[in-house]
């Protein structure tokens, strides 16, 4: 199962860095795997999930969002300047760019059923993309893993402070770096709240939606998963004992992935390959 590296340029002339996992037999479906906040394409369980899907005949593309701040150097956020420019709209644009690359043959997977799978904030980006661009994308399905139910979880005081200061500081527990969330991230939500309402957008998705949530997640509450599943008109799949990162270390200990990761992988494979 060969893995290839690629670089795409988005409509803002920023780079999208990705990896493609190609099955040894003719693929039955194609997946775009979307990382979360402070995450990146090589984080924790993401490469292992890509390999598992690929082994079952699924073409997988995982990539860093253009304003994630991450490059192919995983030890640090090399582009903190880009991190400060990140917004929901920019992430949606990035996903559309990669979808276009698949559909037009820049990346392998043309003609295959196409799924978006997002972890944490990546799940929210998948929802926003699928909800806003239903007819354009014609997706086969959407999967969210431990995704928050709100695009903005800041208090009114925190929102006011972000606007006044021009940024909000966050610290990466992985690298110790202090990073900035820029004013534009909040301003676009205030300018168009409906486009950033996850329950509204997930209700617009016409393809199958799988919502999964760990009940031991101390970042996203189980009720948030229930809200998203209700909006999608589907049942929530509860990952019993599951933490925010599916109980998988970073980097992943491939000999100790555990039952939560296996459960999530089984659920995803069951949906992505169903009827194919």
Foldseek 3Di string as FASTA:
>chain_A
DDKDWDWDQFPVRFIKIKIKQAAPDAAQAEEEEAEDQLDFCQWWCNVVLRVVLSPVRYIYMYIGQRLSQDDVDPQDSVRLVSVQVDALVSLLRVVVVVLVCCCVVVDDGHPHAYEYEYAAVSLLSRLLNQLVQVPPRVHQEYEYELYFQALDPDDPVVLVVQLVVQWDWDADPRNRDIGTHGNVRVVVCVVPVQSRRRLNSLLRRPHYYAQEYECQEPPHHPVRSVSNCVSNVHDYHYQYPQYSSRPAHTHGPVVPSDDSVVVVSVVVSCSRVPPD
